[in-house]
Amino acid sequence: MPDQFETESRMGAAASTQAVVPEPVGEQPDREFTVSERSQAQLVLRRFRQHRLAMISLILLAVIILFAYIGGALWKYHANDITPDNSQPPSLDHPFGTDAVGHDAMAQVMRGTQISLQISVLVAVFATFVGAIWGAVAGFYRGATDSVLMRVADLVLTLPLLAVAAVLAHNVGGTWWLIAVVIAGLYWANVSRISRGVVLSLREKEFVEASRALGASDARIIFRHLVPNALGSIIVYATVLVALSILLETALSFLGFGVTPPDTSLGLLVSNNQTAVDTRPWLFYFPGLFIILIVLTINFIGDGLRDAFDPQQTKVRA
């Protein structure tokens, strides 16, 4: 009897052991599917690429730049070349026509686009650099430093923009880069207000306190942490500055205080040919069309960048 009882106990224990072993429900997957972590720059680029109008504008702006620089280098005429075909309408030999002297209008538009783009880019870079640092320092230190720096910026903002730019541009001459410096000297204050506002909201964040605890200097905190984190809003406004500077340069050239011959710009072409609207309209409308295209494309690119840098837009399409 004890042997039989011991045998039955062993059989029951073996059965219970087999019962607790889980049966495979299904086949195990050969590999695991994971989603790689994206950086902030990758998310911004992904959102920008989803903005169709901004992407179309970026392509169109690239075409305009290639037309101005590559086309200007390959075209058979230069802006100052005089041909015997004066006052000719658009044709195969002169796609944009010619003026009363015999200049090829397309060559002049190419050169004018180059100068206008160079002025606008220089204005955006210079004004953004000065304004971003100015506003970051004011927002970081606050107090008396903030009051002094922002009162200087407010003084610049109260100046009549077109009148002051015309006087300064007249005194420095008609060189395109000097005109760009004058325009940038009037626009940096706008950037400083934006930079200061962003830095004021960032200076009390945990990463700034951690940098202070680790012994980082004020300059390191400003240039390595605050300014890079404020670049989103600053870059968006920099695109606006490109469009604004083109329009201001056009206004200065229209008033006779912009780029002077023998060089040219889109604004100068519009100004010189305003009296030819009825007799030779191609001389007026082609440079005007390029001004409109450049300004519109840059504005749409700015809209796309604003949406891409918006932290509230967390939804990213697959």
Protein backbone atom coordinates (compact mmCIF):
# COMPACT_ATOMS: atom_id res chain seq x y z
CA MET A 1 0.00 0.00 0.00
CA PRO A 2 2.73 2.57 0.81
CA ASP A 3 4.43 1.80 -2.45
CA GLN A 4 1.18 2.30 -4.35
CA PHE A 5 0.50 5.58 -2.50
CA GLU A 6 4.02 6.82 -3.21
CA THR A 7 3.69 5.94 -6.88
CA GLU A 8 0.37 7.79 -7.19
CA SER A 9 1.89 10.85 -5.45
CA ARG A 10 4.77 10.91 -7.91
CA MET A 11 2.40 10.65 -10.87
CA GLY A 12 0.27 13.50 -9.49
CA ALA A 13 3.32 15.70 -8.99
CA ALA A 14 4.50 15.03 -12.54
CA ALA A 15 1.05 15.84 -13.89
CA SER A 16 0.91 19.08 -11.92
CA THR A 17 4.35 20.00 -13.18
CA GLN A 18 3.26 19.49 -16.75
CA ALA A 19 0.09 21.51 -16.14
CA VAL A 20 1.95 24.68 -15.15
CA VAL A 21 4.08 24.71 -18.28
CA PRO A 22 2.43 27.27 -20.63
CA GLU A 23 1.59 26.11 -24.08
CA PRO A 24 2.80 28.30 -26.96
CA VAL A 25 -0.14 30.40 -28.10
CA GLY A 26 1.28 31.20 -31.49
CA GLU A 27 4.48 31.60 -33.38
CA GLN A 28 6.88 34.20 -32.03
CA PRO A 29 7.69 37.09 -34.38
CA ASP A 30 11.00 36.86 -36.15
CA ARG A 31 11.81 40.55 -35.44
CA GLU A 32 10.54 43.45 -33.39
CA PHE A 33 9.23 46.62 -35.02
CA THR A 34 10.55 49.77 -33.40
CA VAL A 35 10.26 53.46 -34.25
CA SER A 36 13.53 55.35 -34.18
CA GLU A 37 13.63 58.48 -32.10
CA ARG A 38 13.59 61.72 -34.12
CA SER A 39 15.52 64.82 -33.16
CA GLN A 40 13.94 68.25 -32.98
CA ALA A 41 15.56 69.24 -36.28
CA GLN A 42 14.11 66.15 -37.97
CA LEU A 43 10.63 66.94 -36.65
CA VAL A 44 10.89 70.55 -37.85
CA LEU A 45 12.05 69.43 -41.30
CA ARG A 46 9.26 66.85 -41.47
CA ARG A 47 6.58 69.41 -40.62
CA PHE A 48 8.01 71.88 -43.13
CA ARG A 49 7.98 69.27 -45.89
CA GLN A 50 4.29 68.65 -45.20
CA HIS A 51 3.52 72.34 -45.88
CA ARG A 52 2.83 72.08 -49.61
CA LEU A 53 2.62 75.81 -50.32
CA ALA A 54 5.94 76.41 -48.55
CA MET A 55 7.61 73.61 -50.51
CA ILE A 56 6.27 74.95 -53.81
CA SER A 57 7.48 78.43 -52.86
CA LEU A 58 10.90 77.07 -51.93
CA ILE A 59 11.21 75.37 -55.33
CA LEU A 60 10.08 78.53 -57.13
CA LEU A 61 12.54 80.67 -55.17
CA ALA A 62 15.32 78.22 -56.05
CA VAL A 63 14.37 78.54 -59.73
CA ILE A 64 14.51 82.34 -59.47
CA ILE A 65 17.96 82.18 -57.85
CA LEU A 66 19.24 79.82 -60.52
CA PHE A 67 17.75 82.06 -63.20
CA ALA A 68 19.50 85.11 -61.76
CA TYR A 69 22.94 83.64 -61.12
CA ILE A 70 23.37 80.68 -63.45
CA GLY A 71 21.30 82.27 -66.19
CA GLY A 72 23.13 85.56 -65.80
CA ALA A 73 26.46 83.81 -66.25
CA LEU A 74 25.35 81.83 -69.30
CA TRP A 75 23.19 84.43 -71.10
CA LYS A 76 24.80 85.95 -74.16
CA TYR A 77 24.07 89.53 -73.05
CA HIS A 78 25.13 91.36 -69.93
CA ALA A 79 23.26 94.08 -68.11
CA ASN A 80 25.39 96.91 -69.54
CA ASP A 81 25.72 95.56 -73.09
CA ILE A 82 24.18 97.78 -75.77
CA THR A 83 22.63 96.04 -78.75
CA PRO A 84 21.40 97.62 -82.02
CA ASP A 85 17.88 96.36 -81.22
CA ASN A 86 16.50 99.27 -79.24
CA SER A 87 12.91 99.43 -77.95
CA GLN A 88 12.14 95.93 -79.21
CA PRO A 89 9.25 93.93 -77.71
CA PRO A 90 9.88 90.42 -76.32
CA SER A 91 11.24 88.02 -78.92
CA LEU A 92 13.36 84.88 -79.16
CA ASP A 93 16.55 86.93 -79.25
CA HIS A 94 15.38 89.21 -76.41
CA PRO A 95 12.79 87.29 -74.31
CA PHE A 96 12.10 90.35 -72.11
CA GLY A 97 12.56 92.90 -74.88
CA THR A 98 15.00 95.84 -74.94
CA ASP A 99 14.95 99.43 -73.72
CA ALA A 100 15.38 102.64 -75.68
CA VAL A 101 19.18 102.45 -75.44
CA GLY A 102 19.40 98.82 -76.53
CA HIS A 103 20.00 97.04 -73.21
CA ASP A 104 18.68 93.51 -73.06
CA ALA A 105 15.88 93.61 -70.48
CA MET A 106 16.30 90.00 -69.38
CA ALA A 107 20.00 90.54 -68.63
CA GLN A 108 19.08 93.61 -66.60
CA VAL A 109 16.38 91.69 -64.70
CA MET A 110 18.91 88.95 -63.93
CA ARG A 111 21.38 91.47 -62.58
CA GLY A 112 18.68 93.36 -60.70
CA THR A 113 17.48 90.12 -59.09
CA GLN A 114 21.03 89.34 -57.98
CA ILE A 115 21.47 92.72 -56.30
CA SER A 116 18.02 92.68 -54.66
CA LEU A 117 18.58 89.17 -53.27
CA GLN A 118 22.06 90.08 -52.01
CA ILE A 119 20.70 93.14 -50.23
CA SER A 120 17.83 91.22 -48.64
CA VAL A 121 20.01 88.33 -47.46
CA LEU A 122 22.64 90.67 -46.00
CA VAL A 123 19.92 92.63 -44.19
CA ALA A 124 18.42 89.44 -42.76
CA VAL A 125 21.79 88.08 -41.57
CA PHE A 126 23.05 91.35 -40.06
CA ALA A 127 19.76 92.38 -38.43
CA THR A 128 19.14 88.87 -37.08
CA PHE A 129 22.65 88.55 -35.63
CA VAL A 130 22.61 91.94 -33.88
CA GLY A 131 18.97 91.79 -32.80
CA ALA A 132 19.15 88.23 -31.44
CA ILE A 133 22.17 88.98 -29.23
CA TRP A 134 20.81 92.37 -28.15
CA GLY A 135 17.46 90.93 -27.08
CA ALA A 136 19.01 87.84 -25.46
CA VAL A 137 21.30 89.95 -23.26
CA ALA A 138 18.42 92.23 -22.27
CA GLY A 139 16.10 89.34 -21.44
CA PHE A 140 18.74 87.40 -19.50
CA TYR A 141 19.95 90.19 -17.20
CA ARG A 142 16.67 92.14 -16.95
CA GLY A 143 16.69 95.08 -14.54
CA ALA A 144 18.69 98.15 -15.54
CA THR A 145 20.42 96.37 -18.42
CA ASP A 146 17.08 95.39 -19.90
CA SER A 147 15.72 98.93 -19.52
CA VAL A 148 18.70 100.60 -21.21
CA LEU A 149 18.97 98.14 -24.11
CA MET A 150 15.24 98.08 -24.83
CA ARG A 151 14.91 101.87 -24.68
CA VAL A 152 17.58 102.07 -27.40
CA ALA A 153 15.64 99.52 -29.45
CA ASP A 154 12.40 101.45 -28.89
CA LEU A 155 14.11 104.63 -30.08
CA VAL A 156 15.08 102.91 -33.33
CA LEU A 157 11.54 101.60 -33.75
CA THR A 158 10.06 105.10 -33.44
CA LEU A 159 12.14 106.47 -36.31
CA PRO A 160 10.29 107.07 -39.61
CA LEU A 161 11.72 104.13 -41.51
CA LEU A 162 11.55 105.31 -45.11
CA ALA A 163 12.67 108.88 -44.38
CA VAL A 164 15.66 107.88 -42.26
CA ALA A 165 16.66 105.16 -44.72
CA ALA A 166 16.50 107.64 -47.61
CA VAL A 167 18.71 110.17 -45.80
CA LEU A 168 21.27 107.57 -44.72
CA ALA A 169 21.32 105.85 -48.12
CA HIS A 170 21.86 109.20 -49.83
CA ASN A 171 24.84 109.93 -47.56
CA VAL A 172 26.52 106.54 -48.04
CA GLY A 173 26.09 106.51 -51.81
CA GLY A 174 24.43 103.94 -54.03
CA THR A 175 26.60 100.91 -53.24
CA TRP A 176 24.35 97.90 -52.64
CA TRP A 177 26.08 96.58 -49.50
CA LEU A 178 26.08 100.00 -47.83
CA ILE A 179 22.36 100.26 -48.53
CA ALA A 180 21.94 96.81 -46.98
CA VAL A 181 23.78 97.94 -43.83
CA VAL A 182 21.53 101.01 -43.60
CA ILE A 183 18.35 98.91 -43.90
CA ALA A 184 19.65 96.34 -41.40
CA GLY A 185 20.47 99.14 -38.95
CA LEU A 186 16.77 100.04 -38.93
CA TYR A 187 15.36 96.50 -38.71
CA TRP A 188 17.48 94.88 -35.97
CA ALA A 189 15.31 96.40 -33.24
CA ASN A 190 12.33 94.30 -34.35
CA VAL A 191 14.40 91.13 -33.98
CA SER A 192 15.60 92.21 -30.53
CA ARG A 193 12.02 92.47 -29.24
CA ILE A 194 11.29 88.93 -30.39
CA SER A 195 14.54 87.55 -28.97
CA ARG A 196 13.97 89.25 -25.61
CA GLY A 197 10.46 87.85 -25.29
CA VAL A 198 11.58 84.28 -25.94
CA VAL A 199 14.59 84.54 -23.61
CA LEU A 200 12.41 85.90 -20.79
CA SER A 201 10.33 82.73 -20.98
CA LEU A 202 13.41 80.47 -21.12
CA ARG A 203 15.71 81.96 -18.46
CA GLU A 204 13.87 80.26 -15.57
CA LYS A 205 13.78 76.81 -17.18
CA GLU A 206 15.41 73.80 -15.55
CA PHE A 207 18.23 73.49 -18.10
CA VAL A 208 19.32 77.07 -17.37
CA GLU A 209 19.31 76.40 -13.61
CA ALA A 210 21.29 73.21 -14.21
CA SER A 211 23.87 75.14 -16.25
CA ARG A 212 24.23 77.68 -13.43
CA ALA A 213 24.67 74.88 -10.89
CA LEU A 214 27.42 73.36 -13.02
CA GLY A 215 29.28 76.68 -13.04
CA ALA A 216 28.53 77.83 -16.60
CA SER A 217 29.24 81.50 -17.26
CA ASP A 218 26.55 83.95 -18.33
CA ALA A 219 28.01 84.16 -21.83
CA ARG A 220 27.91 80.36 -22.19
CA ILE A 221 24.30 80.20 -21.00
CA ILE A 222 23.26 82.95 -23.43
CA PHE A 223 25.09 81.72 -26.53
CA ARG A 224 24.95 77.94 -25.97
CA HIS A 225 21.50 77.54 -24.46
CA LEU A 226 19.19 80.56 -24.72
CA VAL A 227 19.93 81.85 -28.23
CA PRO A 228 19.80 78.37 -29.88
CA ASN A 229 16.45 77.66 -28.20
CA ALA A 230 15.10 81.00 -29.43
CA LEU A 231 16.21 80.45 -33.03
CA GLY A 232 12.81 79.10 -34.11
CA SER A 233 10.97 82.40 -33.71
CA ILE A 234 14.00 84.39 -34.88
CA ILE A 235 14.42 82.41 -38.10
CA VAL A 236 10.75 82.88 -38.94
CA TYR A 237 11.07 86.64 -38.58
CA ALA A 238 14.32 86.59 -40.57
CA THR A 239 12.35 85.36 -43.59
CA VAL A 240 9.99 88.30 -43.10
CA LEU A 241 12.99 90.62 -43.07
CA VAL A 242 14.06 89.32 -46.48
CA ALA A 243 10.72 90.34 -47.98
CA LEU A 244 10.61 93.66 -46.12
CA SER A 245 14.12 94.62 -47.19
CA ILE A 246 13.33 93.97 -50.86
CA LEU A 247 10.26 96.21 -50.60
CA LEU A 248 12.20 98.94 -48.77
CA GLU A 249 15.03 98.81 -51.30
CA THR A 250 12.44 99.07 -54.06
CA ALA A 251 10.93 102.12 -52.39
CA LEU A 252 14.35 103.74 -51.96
CA SER A 253 15.25 103.11 -55.60
CA PHE A 254 11.87 104.45 -56.67
CA LEU A 255 12.62 107.66 -54.77
CA GLY A 256 16.14 107.85 -56.20
CA PHE A 257 18.04 106.91 -53.01
CA GLY A 258 18.75 103.27 -53.76
CA VAL A 259 21.23 101.52 -56.02
CA THR A 260 22.71 103.85 -58.61
CA PRO A 261 23.94 103.14 -62.17
CA PRO A 262 25.96 101.54 -63.67
CA ASP A 263 24.69 98.83 -61.32
CA THR A 264 20.99 98.08 -61.08
CA SER A 265 18.33 96.43 -58.94
CA LEU A 266 14.73 95.40 -59.42
CA GLY A 267 13.56 98.55 -57.67
CA LEU A 268 15.74 100.74 -59.87
CA LEU A 269 14.42 99.03 -63.02
CA VAL A 270 10.84 99.68 -61.93
CA SER A 271 11.68 103.29 -61.10
CA ASN A 272 13.48 103.97 -64.40
CA ASN A 273 10.74 102.45 -66.52
CA GLN A 274 7.63 103.80 -64.79
CA THR A 275 7.12 106.28 -67.64
CA ALA A 276 7.28 103.45 -70.21
CA VAL A 277 4.22 101.58 -68.93
CA ASP A 278 2.08 102.71 -71.88
CA THR A 279 4.69 102.57 -74.65
CA ARG A 280 7.04 99.72 -73.55
CA PRO A 281 5.20 97.88 -70.76
CA TRP A 282 7.61 94.92 -70.75
CA LEU A 283 10.30 97.12 -69.21
CA PHE A 284 8.11 97.84 -66.19
CA TYR A 285 6.15 94.63 -65.66
CA PHE A 286 8.96 92.05 -65.83
CA PRO A 287 11.02 93.47 -62.92
CA GLY A 288 7.79 94.17 -61.03
CA LEU A 289 6.72 90.56 -61.53
CA PHE A 290 10.00 89.31 -60.08
CA ILE A 291 9.59 91.54 -57.03
CA ILE A 292 6.12 90.11 -56.43
CA LEU A 293 7.28 86.51 -56.91
CA ILE A 294 10.24 86.87 -54.55
CA VAL A 295 8.20 88.55 -51.82
CA LEU A 296 5.32 86.06 -52.06
CA THR A 297 7.55 82.98 -52.08
CA ILE A 298 9.53 84.20 -49.07
CA ASN A 299 6.32 84.97 -47.17
CA PHE A 300 4.96 81.47 -47.84
CA ILE A 301 8.28 79.94 -46.80
CA GLY A 302 8.04 81.95 -43.59
CA ASP A 303 4.53 80.58 -42.99
CA GLY A 304 5.85 77.06 -43.43
CA LEU A 305 8.73 77.66 -41.02
CA ARG A 306 6.37 79.16 -38.45
CA ASP A 307 4.16 76.07 -38.58
CA ALA A 308 7.19 73.77 -38.48
CA PHE A 309 8.69 75.43 -35.40
CA ASP A 310 5.32 75.60 -33.60
CA PRO A 311 5.68 73.32 -30.53
CA GLN A 312 1.91 72.84 -30.41
CA GLN A 313 2.02 70.89 -33.68
CA THR A 314 2.93 67.47 -32.32
CA LYS A 315 1.06 65.48 -34.95
CA VAL A 316 3.41 64.27 -37.66
CA ARG A 317 2.15 62.26 -40.58
CA ALA A 318 3.75 58.92 -41.28
